[in-house]
Amino acid sequence: MITSLMTRKLIVVTGKGGVGKSTIATSLGLLAARNGLRALVVEMGGQQIATGLFAVEAGVGETKLTENLWAITIDPDAALVEWLTAVGGSVPARLLTSRSSFRAFAAAAPGAKELVSLVKVWELTQSERWRKRGGRYDLVILDAPATGHALALVRSPATYGAIARVGPVAAQIRHVGDLLADRDRTGYVAVAQGSEMAITETLELAEGLERDMHRELDTVIVNGTFPRRFSSEELRRLATLESSGTVGSAARAALFVADRARLQHNQIARLRRQHLHVLAVPFIFQARLDPAALAQIADRLAAG
């Protein structure tokens, strides 16, 4: 499943806030880069998590993270100003981008910033953009907003397509809508953790994606999972160990991790009962993730 994702032009990654969505998106980019693809991780809302993971300073436009891998952040306000200036025609740019005009447009067209951000993403998937620079991106990975906002984001072309039917704006909307709907060009990945709330939100995402986009999740990556290390007999023996001292502390820690793993795997079973493709990524015991940790995650994704 992960191998098939690498053949797309765009991977949309979303999930409940705090589940490690940006880490997984960057790891997918690293995996693509290791496979010889020119990959770009796109962050929204001015985030710069990918550059932080690689400890490189974010520049203007695309920032190189490592061989074959770049990152860029899209500021929705700046993207909307740029778009208004481009489609404004003879209208002076200073009028379009004035504070009062900008606020009036944004208020009259809710969701416009999200749509324009997607137009930027679509542009980044186009090979023609790179011809003058002697290359292109083979894969763009969109680190999309959290689940609810991500659904609104991918719905925005259909919403605005019903309003703008002719002209350059309509053409851009059609291009974006076609890209998001195309199974050969775009894949959808949900990131979750093995908790009831995160899994419930993932199932709701799958339903919303099917209902609104007639698309399915290509895979669900459950981040931060614990392995099942002990048999039932071993757990029974651990529970009988003395309650004080080093041995007792170690036994309690082992029982806690085993119980956490049990709960996680019970939640993962909910996904599999819905016939979703699930890939578990182990918890990495580090205070701060670095490129080596991302490489471990990429290895797990490749194995999956």
C-alpha atoms as a PDB file:
ATOM      1  CA  MET A   1       0.000   0.000   0.000  1.00  0.00           C
ATOM      2  CA  ILE A   2       2.772   2.466   0.854  1.00  0.00           C
ATOM      3  CA  THR A   3       4.568   1.493  -2.356  1.00  0.00           C
ATOM      4  CA  SER A   4       1.476   2.359  -4.399  1.00  0.00           C
ATOM      5  CA  LEU A   5       1.246   5.744  -2.679  1.00  0.00           C
ATOM      6  CA  MET A   6       4.715   6.574  -3.940  1.00  0.00           C
ATOM      7  CA  THR A   7       3.410   6.435  -7.528  1.00  0.00           C
ATOM      8  CA  ARG A   8       0.967   9.329  -6.962  1.00  0.00           C
ATOM      9  CA  LYS A   9       1.587  13.020  -7.532  1.00  0.00           C
ATOM     10  CA  LEU A  10      -0.001  14.088  -4.226  1.00  0.00           C
ATOM     11  CA  ILE A  11      -0.498  12.495  -0.810  1.00  0.00           C
ATOM     12  CA  VAL A  12      -2.878  14.260   1.575  1.00  0.00           C
ATOM     13  CA  VAL A  13      -2.015  13.492   5.214  1.00  0.00           C
ATOM     14  CA  THR A  14      -4.450  14.386   7.981  1.00  0.00           C
ATOM     15  CA  GLY A  15      -5.550  13.219  11.406  1.00  0.00           C
ATOM     16  CA  LYS A  16      -6.498  14.337  14.885  1.00  0.00           C
ATOM     17  CA  GLY A  17      -4.320  17.074  16.312  1.00  0.00           C
ATOM     18  CA  GLY A  18      -1.398  15.839  18.388  1.00  0.00           C
ATOM     19  CA  VAL A  19      -1.090  12.349  16.871  1.00  0.00           C
ATOM     20  CA  GLY A  20       2.182  13.047  15.022  1.00  0.00           C
ATOM     21  CA  LYS A  21       0.697  13.924  11.637  1.00  0.00           C
ATOM     22  CA  SER A  22       3.564  16.217  10.626  1.00  0.00           C
ATOM     23  CA  THR A  23       6.154  13.641  11.691  1.00  0.00           C
ATOM     24  CA  ILE A  24       4.501  10.970   9.551  1.00  0.00           C
ATOM     25  CA  ALA A  25       4.156  13.339   6.578  1.00  0.00           C
ATOM     26  CA  THR A  26       7.857  14.177   6.760  1.00  0.00           C
ATOM     27  CA  SER A  27       8.763  10.507   7.146  1.00  0.00           C
ATOM     28  CA  LEU A  28       6.751   9.686   4.017  1.00  0.00           C
ATOM     29  CA  GLY A  29       8.756  12.376   2.235  1.00  0.00           C
ATOM     30  CA  LEU A  30      11.999  10.860   3.493  1.00  0.00           C
ATOM     31  CA  LEU A  31      10.922   7.416   2.294  1.00  0.00           C
ATOM     32  CA  ALA A  32      10.127   8.810  -1.148  1.00  0.00           C
ATOM     33  CA  ALA A  33      13.487  10.606  -1.264  1.00  0.00           C
ATOM     34  CA  ARG A  34      15.335   7.409  -0.326  1.00  0.00           C
ATOM     35  CA  ASN A  35      13.571   5.713  -3.236  1.00  0.00           C
ATOM     36  CA  GLY A  36      15.007   8.277  -5.622  1.00  0.00           C
ATOM     37  CA  LEU A  37      11.960  10.552  -5.910  1.00  0.00           C
ATOM     38  CA  ARG A  38      12.170  14.328  -5.691  1.00  0.00           C
ATOM     39  CA  ALA A  39       9.727  14.897  -2.827  1.00  0.00           C
ATOM     40  CA  LEU A  40       8.247  18.046  -1.309  1.00  0.00           C
ATOM     41  CA  VAL A  41       6.504  18.308   2.074  1.00  0.00           C
ATOM     42  CA  VAL A  42       3.952  21.145   2.072  1.00  0.00           C
ATOM     43  CA  GLU A  43       2.884  22.596   5.408  1.00  0.00           C
ATOM     44  CA  MET A  44      -0.021  25.009   5.848  1.00  0.00           C
ATOM     45  CA  GLY A  45      -0.732  27.890   8.169  1.00  0.00           C
ATOM     46  CA  GLY A  46       2.863  29.037   8.365  1.00  0.00           C
ATOM     47  CA  GLN A  47       4.042  25.885  10.165  1.00  0.00           C
ATOM     48  CA  GLN A  48       7.708  24.932   9.872  1.00  0.00           C
ATOM     49  CA  ILE A  49       7.779  21.542  11.581  1.00  0.00           C
ATOM     50  CA  ALA A  50       9.612  19.663   8.831  1.00  0.00           C
ATOM     51  CA  THR A  51      12.549  22.065   8.841  1.00  0.00           C
ATOM     52  CA  GLY A  52      12.647  21.831  12.631  1.00  0.00           C
ATOM     53  CA  LEU A  53      12.845  18.038  12.506  1.00  0.00           C
ATOM     54  CA  PHE A  54      15.891  18.315  10.245  1.00  0.00           C
ATOM     55  CA  ALA A  55      17.315  21.266  12.198  1.00  0.00           C
ATOM     56  CA  VAL A  56      17.655  23.439   9.096  1.00  0.00           C
ATOM     57  CA  GLU A  57      16.693  27.080   8.795  1.00  0.00           C
ATOM     58  CA  ALA A  58      13.568  27.670   6.749  1.00  0.00           C
ATOM     59  CA  GLY A  59      14.146  29.894   3.756  1.00  0.00           C
ATOM     60  CA  VAL A  60      11.868  31.728   1.356  1.00  0.00           C
ATOM     61  CA  GLY A  61      10.070  29.205  -0.836  1.00  0.00           C
ATOM     62  CA  GLU A  62      11.311  25.623  -0.852  1.00  0.00           C
ATOM     63  CA  THR A  63      13.933  24.621   1.731  1.00  0.00           C
ATOM     64  CA  LYS A  64      16.120  21.580   1.151  1.00  0.00           C
ATOM     65  CA  LEU A  65      16.004  19.119   4.049  1.00  0.00           C
ATOM     66  CA  THR A  66      18.196  16.347   2.688  1.00  0.00           C
ATOM     67  CA  GLU A  67      18.988  14.667  -0.619  1.00  0.00           C
ATOM     68  CA  ASN A  68      15.854  14.666  -2.834  1.00  0.00           C
ATOM     69  CA  LEU A  69      13.658  16.146  -0.082  1.00  0.00           C
ATOM     70  CA  TRP A  70      12.384  19.722   0.299  1.00  0.00           C
ATOM     71  CA  ALA A  71       9.796  21.484   2.454  1.00  0.00           C
ATOM     72  CA  ILE A  72       7.684  24.580   1.974  1.00  0.00           C
ATOM     73  CA  THR A  73       5.104  26.330   4.123  1.00  0.00           C
ATOM     74  CA  ILE A  74       2.046  28.055   2.685  1.00  0.00           C
ATOM     75  CA  ASP A  75       0.720  31.087   4.510  1.00  0.00           C
ATOM     76  CA  PRO A  76      -2.994  31.216   3.571  1.00  0.00           C
ATOM     77  CA  ASP A  77      -3.196  35.011   3.916  1.00  0.00           C
ATOM     78  CA  ALA A  78      -0.138  35.540   1.721  1.00  0.00           C
ATOM     79  CA  ALA A  79      -1.415  32.979  -0.796  1.00  0.00           C
ATOM     80  CA  LEU A  80      -4.763  34.785  -1.022  1.00  0.00           C
ATOM     81  CA  VAL A  81      -3.081  38.161  -1.561  1.00  0.00           C
ATOM     82  CA  GLU A  82      -0.895  36.661  -4.290  1.00  0.00           C
ATOM     83  CA  TRP A  83      -3.896  35.059  -5.960  1.00  0.00           C
ATOM     84  CA  LEU A  84      -6.009  38.228  -5.800  1.00  0.00           C
ATOM     85  CA  THR A  85      -3.169  40.173  -7.384  1.00  0.00           C
ATOM     86  CA  ALA A  86      -2.794  37.573 -10.153  1.00  0.00           C
ATOM     87  CA  VAL A  87      -6.499  37.426 -11.059  1.00  0.00           C
ATOM     88  CA  GLY A  88      -7.220  41.092 -10.429  1.00  0.00           C
ATOM     89  CA  GLY A  89      -6.404  42.049 -14.008  1.00  0.00           C
ATOM     90  CA  SER A  90      -6.449  45.805 -14.374  1.00  0.00           C
ATOM     91  CA  VAL A  91      -7.426  46.398 -10.765  1.00  0.00           C
ATOM     92  CA  PRO A  92      -4.410  47.934  -8.958  1.00  0.00           C
ATOM     93  CA  ALA A  93      -2.673  45.493  -6.651  1.00  0.00           C
ATOM     94  CA  ARG A  94      -2.574  48.042  -3.837  1.00  0.00           C
ATOM     95  CA  LEU A  95      -6.391  48.213  -3.905  1.00  0.00           C
ATOM     96  CA  LEU A  96      -6.840  44.448  -3.889  1.00  0.00           C
ATOM     97  CA  THR A  97      -4.383  43.960  -1.068  1.00  0.00           C
ATOM     98  CA  SER A  98      -5.466  46.891   1.071  1.00  0.00           C
ATOM     99  CA  ARG A  99      -6.561  45.899   4.518  1.00  0.00           C
ATOM    100  CA  SER A 100     -10.220  46.874   4.034  1.00  0.00           C
ATOM    101  CA  SER A 101     -10.547  45.190   0.638  1.00  0.00           C
ATOM    102  CA  PHE A 102      -8.803  42.043   1.856  1.00  0.00           C
ATOM    103  CA  ARG A 103     -11.041  41.756   4.910  1.00  0.00           C
ATOM    104  CA  ALA A 104     -14.170  42.377   2.830  1.00  0.00           C
ATOM    105  CA  PHE A 105     -13.257  39.648   0.359  1.00  0.00           C
ATOM    106  CA  ALA A 106     -12.307  37.144   3.064  1.00  0.00           C
ATOM    107  CA  ALA A 107     -15.575  37.801   4.903  1.00  0.00           C
ATOM    108  CA  ALA A 108     -17.659  37.479   1.731  1.00  0.00           C
ATOM    109  CA  ALA A 109     -15.911  34.297   0.616  1.00  0.00           C
ATOM    110  CA  PRO A 110     -15.324  31.997   3.599  1.00  0.00           C
ATOM    111  CA  GLY A 111     -12.980  29.189   2.681  1.00  0.00           C
ATOM    112  CA  ALA A 112     -11.295  31.218  -0.053  1.00  0.00           C
ATOM    113  CA  LYS A 113      -7.906  31.041   1.670  1.00  0.00           C
ATOM    114  CA  GLU A 114      -8.154  27.260   1.872  1.00  0.00           C
ATOM    115  CA  LEU A 115      -9.052  27.013  -1.811  1.00  0.00           C
ATOM    116  CA  VAL A 116      -6.207  29.299  -2.857  1.00  0.00           C
ATOM    117  CA  SER A 117      -3.796  27.234  -0.742  1.00  0.00           C
ATOM    118  CA  LEU A 118      -4.910  24.162  -2.690  1.00  0.00           C
ATOM    119  CA  VAL A 119      -4.295  26.014  -5.946  1.00  0.00           C
ATOM    120  CA  LYS A 120      -0.719  26.536  -4.742  1.00  0.00           C
ATOM    121  CA  VAL A 121      -0.449  22.819  -3.953  1.00  0.00           C
ATOM    122  CA  TRP A 122      -1.762  21.948  -7.426  1.00  0.00           C
ATOM    123  CA  GLU A 123       0.853  24.225  -8.984  1.00  0.00           C
ATOM    124  CA  LEU A 124       3.579  22.420  -7.048  1.00  0.00           C
ATOM    125  CA  THR A 125       2.471  19.083  -8.512  1.00  0.00           C
ATOM    126  CA  GLN A 126       2.872  20.355 -12.077  1.00  0.00           C
ATOM    127  CA  SER A 127       6.029  19.220 -13.829  1.00  0.00           C
ATOM    128  CA  GLU A 128       6.005  22.302 -16.072  1.00  0.00           C
ATOM    129  CA  ARG A 129       6.810  24.519 -13.111  1.00  0.00           C
ATOM    130  CA  TRP A 130      10.286  23.014 -12.860  1.00  0.00           C
ATOM    131  CA  ARG A 131      11.276  22.846 -16.502  1.00  0.00           C
ATOM    132  CA  LYS A 132      13.296  26.051 -16.424  1.00  0.00           C
ATOM    133  CA  ARG A 133      15.124  24.813 -13.315  1.00  0.00           C
ATOM    134  CA  GLY A 134      16.063  21.468 -14.820  1.00  0.00           C
ATOM    135  CA  GLY A 135      13.913  19.233 -12.663  1.00  0.00           C
ATOM    136  CA  ARG A 136      10.541  18.618 -11.053  1.00  0.00           C
ATOM    137  CA  TYR A 137       8.868  17.198  -7.963  1.00  0.00           C
ATOM    138  CA  ASP A 138       7.819  13.605  -8.380  1.00  0.00           C
ATOM    139  CA  LEU A 139       5.717  13.626  -5.222  1.00  0.00           C
ATOM    140  CA  VAL A 140       4.087  16.358  -3.133  1.00  0.00           C
ATOM    141  CA  ILE A 141       3.026  15.456   0.421  1.00  0.00           C
ATOM    142  CA  LEU A 142       0.468  17.829   1.910  1.00  0.00           C
ATOM    143  CA  ASP A 143       0.603  18.043   5.698  1.00  0.00           C
ATOM    144  CA  ALA A 144      -3.071  19.013   5.806  1.00  0.00           C
ATOM    145  CA  PRO A 145      -4.919  20.551   8.773  1.00  0.00           C
ATOM    146  CA  ALA A 146      -6.557  18.363  11.414  1.00  0.00           C
ATOM    147  CA  THR A 147      -9.412  16.092  10.380  1.00  0.00           C
ATOM    148  CA  GLY A 148     -12.438  18.403  10.372  1.00  0.00           C
ATOM    149  CA  HIS A 149     -10.620  21.260   8.694  1.00  0.00           C
ATOM    150  CA  ALA A 150      -9.033  18.852   6.210  1.00  0.00           C
ATOM    151  CA  LEU A 151     -12.456  17.686   5.042  1.00  0.00           C
ATOM    152  CA  ALA A 152     -13.531  21.300   4.536  1.00  0.00           C
ATOM    153  CA  LEU A 153     -10.275  21.897   2.658  1.00  0.00           C
ATOM    154  CA  VAL A 154     -10.740  19.091   0.124  1.00  0.00           C
ATOM    155  CA  ARG A 155     -14.423  20.004  -0.287  1.00  0.00           C
ATOM    156  CA  SER A 156     -13.628  23.621  -1.154  1.00  0.00           C
ATOM    157  CA  PRO A 157     -13.179  23.089  -4.938  1.00  0.00           C
ATOM    158  CA  ALA A 158     -16.681  21.611  -5.197  1.00  0.00           C
ATOM    159  CA  THR A 159     -18.109  24.448  -3.090  1.00  0.00           C
ATOM    160  CA  TYR A 160     -16.560  27.196  -5.180  1.00  0.00           C
ATOM    161  CA  GLY A 161     -16.982  25.304  -8.435  1.00  0.00           C
ATOM    162  CA  ALA A 162     -20.727  25.728  -8.060  1.00  0.00           C
ATOM    163  CA  ILE A 163     -20.222  29.504  -7.922  1.00  0.00           C
ATOM    164  CA  ALA A 164     -17.425  30.161 -10.411  1.00  0.00           C
ATOM    165  CA  ARG A 165     -18.328  28.373 -13.645  1.00  0.00           C
ATOM    166  CA  VAL A 166     -16.337  30.284 -16.273  1.00  0.00           C
ATOM    167  CA  GLY A 167     -13.033  32.116 -16.563  1.00  0.00           C
ATOM    168  CA  PRO A 168      -9.550  31.522 -15.155  1.00  0.00           C
ATOM    169  CA  VAL A 169     -10.799  31.070 -11.589  1.00  0.00           C
ATOM    170  CA  ALA A 170     -13.174  28.302 -12.683  1.00  0.00           C
ATOM    171  CA  ALA A 171     -10.353  26.606 -14.596  1.00  0.00           C
ATOM    172  CA  GLN A 172      -8.101  26.606 -11.521  1.00  0.00           C
ATOM    173  CA  ILE A 173     -10.895  25.178  -9.383  1.00  0.00           C
ATOM    174  CA  ARG A 174     -11.495  22.391 -11.897  1.00  0.00           C
ATOM    175  CA  HIS A 175      -7.791  21.532 -11.974  1.00  0.00           C
ATOM    176  CA  VAL A 176      -7.679  21.261  -8.183  1.00  0.00           C
ATOM    177  CA  GLY A 177     -10.930  19.285  -7.972  1.00  0.00           C
ATOM    178  CA  ASP A 178      -9.786  16.859 -10.658  1.00  0.00           C
ATOM    179  CA  LEU A 179      -6.478  16.295  -8.852  1.00  0.00           C
ATOM    180  CA  LEU A 180      -8.121  15.571  -5.491  1.00  0.00           C
ATOM    181  CA  ALA A 181     -10.637  13.173  -7.029  1.00  0.00           C
ATOM    182  CA  ASP A 182      -8.162  11.252  -9.209  1.00  0.00           C
ATOM    183  CA  ARG A 183      -7.190   7.917  -7.606  1.00  0.00           C
ATOM    184  CA  ASP A 184      -4.160   7.626  -9.862  1.00  0.00           C
ATOM    185  CA  ARG A 185      -2.740  11.003  -8.839  1.00  0.00           C
ATOM    186  CA  THR A 186      -3.865  11.591  -5.229  1.00  0.00           C
ATOM    187  CA  GLY A 187      -3.788   9.373  -2.150  1.00  0.00           C
ATOM    188  CA  TYR A 188      -5.288   9.999   1.289  1.00  0.00           C
ATOM    189  CA  VAL A 189      -3.563   8.956   4.509  1.00  0.00           C
ATOM    190  CA  ALA A 190      -4.962   9.273   8.025  1.00  0.00           C
ATOM    191  CA  VAL A 191      -2.668   9.405  11.036  1.00  0.00           C
ATOM    192  CA  ALA A 192      -4.028   8.309  14.407  1.00  0.00           C
ATOM    193  CA  GLN A 193      -2.967   7.015  17.774  1.00  0.00           C
ATOM    194  CA  GLY A 194      -4.429   3.953  19.462  1.00  0.00           C
ATOM    195  CA  SER A 195      -6.939   5.865  21.571  1.00  0.00           C
ATOM    196  CA  GLU A 196     -10.715   5.742  21.372  1.00  0.00           C
ATOM    197  CA  MET A 197     -11.071   9.410  20.444  1.00  0.00           C
ATOM    198  CA  ALA A 198      -8.416   9.349  17.713  1.00  0.00           C
ATOM    199  CA  ILE A 199      -9.765   6.149  16.144  1.00  0.00           C
ATOM    200  CA  THR A 200     -13.338   7.460  16.247  1.00  0.00           C
ATOM    201  CA  GLU A 201     -12.217  10.631  14.479  1.00  0.00           C
ATOM    202  CA  THR A 202     -10.426   8.536  11.857  1.00  0.00           C
ATOM    203  CA  LEU A 203     -13.562   6.498  11.181  1.00  0.00           C
ATOM    204  CA  GLU A 204     -15.540   9.733  10.830  1.00  0.00           C
ATOM    205  CA  LEU A 205     -12.909  10.990   8.388  1.00  0.00           C
ATOM    206  CA  ALA A 206     -13.273   7.830   6.287  1.00  0.00           C
ATOM    207  CA  GLU A 207     -17.053   8.296   6.213  1.00  0.00           C
ATOM    208  CA  GLY A 208     -16.769  11.982   5.313  1.00  0.00           C
ATOM    209  CA  LEU A 209     -14.250  11.327   2.565  1.00  0.00           C
ATOM    210  CA  GLU A 210     -16.519   8.704   1.021  1.00  0.00           C
ATOM    211  CA  ARG A 211     -19.621  10.874   1.378  1.00  0.00           C
ATOM    212  CA  ASP A 212     -18.174  14.155   0.126  1.00  0.00           C
ATOM    213  CA  MET A 213     -15.404  13.086  -2.247  1.00  0.00           C
ATOM    214  CA  HIS A 214     -16.337   9.509  -3.198  1.00  0.00           C
ATOM    215  CA  ARG A 215     -12.821   8.628  -2.110  1.00  0.00           C
ATOM    216  CA  GLU A 216     -11.431   6.229   0.464  1.00  0.00           C
ATOM    217  CA  LEU A 217      -8.487   6.308   2.810  1.00  0.00           C
ATOM    218  CA  ASP A 218      -5.545   4.556   1.195  1.00  0.00           C
ATOM    219  CA  THR A 219      -4.081   3.714   4.576  1.00  0.00           C
ATOM    220  CA  VAL A 220      -4.315   4.567   8.272  1.00  0.00           C
ATOM    221  CA  ILE A 221      -1.000   4.946  10.077  1.00  0.00           C
ATOM    222  CA  VAL A 222      -1.355   4.395  13.818  1.00  0.00           C
ATOM    223  CA  ASN A 223       1.530   6.241  15.404  1.00  0.00           C
ATOM    224  CA  GLY A 224       3.224   5.589  18.741  1.00  0.00           C
ATOM    225  CA  THR A 225       2.119   1.976  19.243  1.00  0.00           C
ATOM    226  CA  PHE A 226       3.498  -0.413  21.872  1.00  0.00           C
ATOM    227  CA  PRO A 227       4.239  -4.053  20.990  1.00  0.00           C
ATOM    228  CA  ARG A 228       2.631  -6.977  22.770  1.00  0.00           C
ATOM    229  CA  ARG A 229       5.650  -8.443  24.546  1.00  0.00           C
ATOM    230  CA  PHE A 230       4.100 -10.838  27.064  1.00  0.00           C
ATOM    231  CA  SER A 231       1.933 -13.935  26.923  1.00  0.00           C
ATOM    232  CA  SER A 232      -1.065 -14.340  29.250  1.00  0.00           C
ATOM    233  CA  GLU A 233       0.963 -16.597  31.523  1.00  0.00           C
ATOM    234  CA  GLU A 234       3.817 -14.094  31.696  1.00  0.00           C
ATOM    235  CA  LEU A 235       1.396 -11.316  32.607  1.00  0.00           C
ATOM    236  CA  ARG A 236      -0.074 -13.472  35.383  1.00  0.00           C
ATOM    237  CA  ARG A 237       3.406 -14.115  36.800  1.00  0.00           C
ATOM    238  CA  LEU A 238       4.291 -10.406  36.621  1.00  0.00           C
ATOM    239  CA  ALA A 239       1.167  -9.568  38.606  1.00  0.00           C
ATOM    240  CA  THR A 240       2.270 -11.866  41.439  1.00  0.00           C
ATOM    241  CA  LEU A 241       5.684 -10.275  41.933  1.00  0.00           C
ATOM    242  CA  GLU A 242       6.378  -8.352  45.110  1.00  0.00           C
ATOM    243  CA  SER A 243       4.982  -4.837  45.150  1.00  0.00           C
ATOM    244  CA  SER A 244       8.060  -3.056  46.515  1.00  0.00           C
ATOM    245  CA  GLY A 245      11.676  -2.659  45.452  1.00  0.00           C
ATOM    246  CA  THR A 246      13.247  -2.590  42.005  1.00  0.00           C
ATOM    247  CA  VAL A 247      11.679  -5.837  40.842  1.00  0.00           C
ATOM    248  CA  GLY A 248       8.215  -4.645  41.839  1.00  0.00           C
ATOM    249  CA  SER A 249       8.702  -1.314  40.055  1.00  0.00           C
ATOM    250  CA  ALA A 250       9.852  -3.074  36.909  1.00  0.00           C
ATOM    251  CA  ALA A 251       6.857  -5.423  37.073  1.00  0.00           C
ATOM    252  CA  ARG A 252       4.411  -2.520  37.433  1.00  0.00           C
ATOM    253  CA  ALA A 253       6.034  -0.732  34.502  1.00  0.00           C
ATOM    254  CA  ALA A 254       5.798  -3.865  32.374  1.00  0.00           C
ATOM    255  CA  LEU A 255       2.137  -4.358  33.297  1.00  0.00           C
ATOM    256  CA  PHE A 256       1.367  -0.724  32.478  1.00  0.00           C
ATOM    257  CA  VAL A 257       2.959  -0.981  29.026  1.00  0.00           C
ATOM    258  CA  ALA A 258       1.204  -4.301  28.394  1.00  0.00           C
ATOM    259  CA  ASP A 259      -2.157  -2.787  29.335  1.00  0.00           C
ATOM    260  CA  ARG A 260      -1.493   0.227  27.109  1.00  0.00           C
ATOM    261  CA  ALA A 261      -0.609  -2.078  24.216  1.00  0.00           C
ATOM    262  CA  ARG A 262      -3.799  -4.082  24.777  1.00  0.00           C
ATOM    263  CA  LEU A 263      -5.945  -0.951  24.648  1.00  0.00           C
ATOM    264  CA  GLN A 264      -4.163   0.295  21.533  1.00  0.00           C
ATOM    265  CA  HIS A 265      -4.580  -2.986  19.670  1.00  0.00           C
ATOM    266  CA  ASN A 266      -8.253  -3.136  20.630  1.00  0.00           C
ATOM    267  CA  GLN A 267      -8.714   0.272  19.019  1.00  0.00           C
ATOM    268  CA  ILE A 268      -6.732  -0.748  15.934  1.00  0.00           C
ATOM    269  CA  ALA A 269      -9.108  -3.691  15.581  1.00  0.00           C
ATOM    270  CA  ARG A 270     -11.959  -1.185  15.124  1.00  0.00           C
ATOM    271  CA  LEU A 271     -10.212   0.106  11.999  1.00  0.00           C
ATOM    272  CA  ARG A 272      -9.631  -3.358  10.602  1.00  0.00           C
ATOM    273  CA  ARG A 273     -13.273  -4.292  11.140  1.00  0.00           C
ATOM    274  CA  GLN A 274     -14.087  -1.484   8.709  1.00  0.00           C
ATOM    275  CA  HIS A 275     -11.698  -3.058   6.183  1.00  0.00           C
ATOM    276  CA  LEU A 276      -9.240  -0.176   6.379  1.00  0.00           C
ATOM    277  CA  HIS A 277      -5.586  -0.797   5.603  1.00  0.00           C
ATOM    278  CA  VAL A 278      -3.705  -0.196   8.867  1.00  0.00           C
ATOM    279  CA  LEU A 279       0.000   0.260   9.491  1.00  0.00           C
ATOM    280  CA  ALA A 280       1.317   0.569  13.047  1.00  0.00           C
ATOM    281  CA  VAL A 281       4.397   2.691  13.749  1.00  0.00           C
ATOM    282  CA  PRO A 282       6.161   1.910  17.054  1.00  0.00           C
ATOM    283  CA  PHE A 283       6.613   4.500  19.775  1.00  0.00           C
ATOM    284  CA  ILE A 284      10.100   6.019  19.647  1.00  0.00           C
ATOM    285  CA  PHE A 285      11.577   6.633  23.079  1.00  0.00           C
ATOM    286  CA  GLN A 286      13.303   9.953  22.437  1.00  0.00           C
ATOM    287  CA  ALA A 287      12.708  13.337  24.000  1.00  0.00           C
ATOM    288  CA  ARG A 288      13.110  15.008  20.604  1.00  0.00           C
ATOM    289  CA  LEU A 289      12.798  13.442  17.162  1.00  0.00           C
ATOM    290  CA  ASP A 290      15.704  13.880  14.753  1.00  0.00           C
ATOM    291  CA  PRO A 291      16.567  12.639  11.232  1.00  0.00           C
ATOM    292  CA  ALA A 292      17.702   9.284  12.638  1.00  0.00           C
ATOM    293  CA  ALA A 293      14.309   8.781  14.294  1.00  0.00           C
ATOM    294  CA  LEU A 294      12.553   9.786  11.066  1.00  0.00           C
ATOM    295  CA  ALA A 295      14.669   7.181   9.263  1.00  0.00           C
ATOM    296  CA  GLN A 296      13.388   4.530  11.709  1.00  0.00           C
ATOM    297  CA  ILE A 297       9.801   5.556  10.954  1.00  0.00           C
ATOM    298  CA  ALA A 298      10.519   5.513   7.214  1.00  0.00           C
ATOM    299  CA  ASP A 299      11.923   1.978   7.588  1.00  0.00           C
ATOM    300  CA  ARG A 300       8.702   0.873   9.291  1.00  0.00           C
ATOM    301  CA  LEU A 301       6.576   2.488   6.598  1.00  0.00           C
ATOM    302  CA  ALA A 302       8.635   0.725   3.923  1.00  0.00           C
ATOM    303  CA  ALA A 303       8.256  -2.611   5.686  1.00  0.00           C
ATOM    304  CA  GLY A 304       4.518  -2.075   5.950  1.00  0.00           C
END
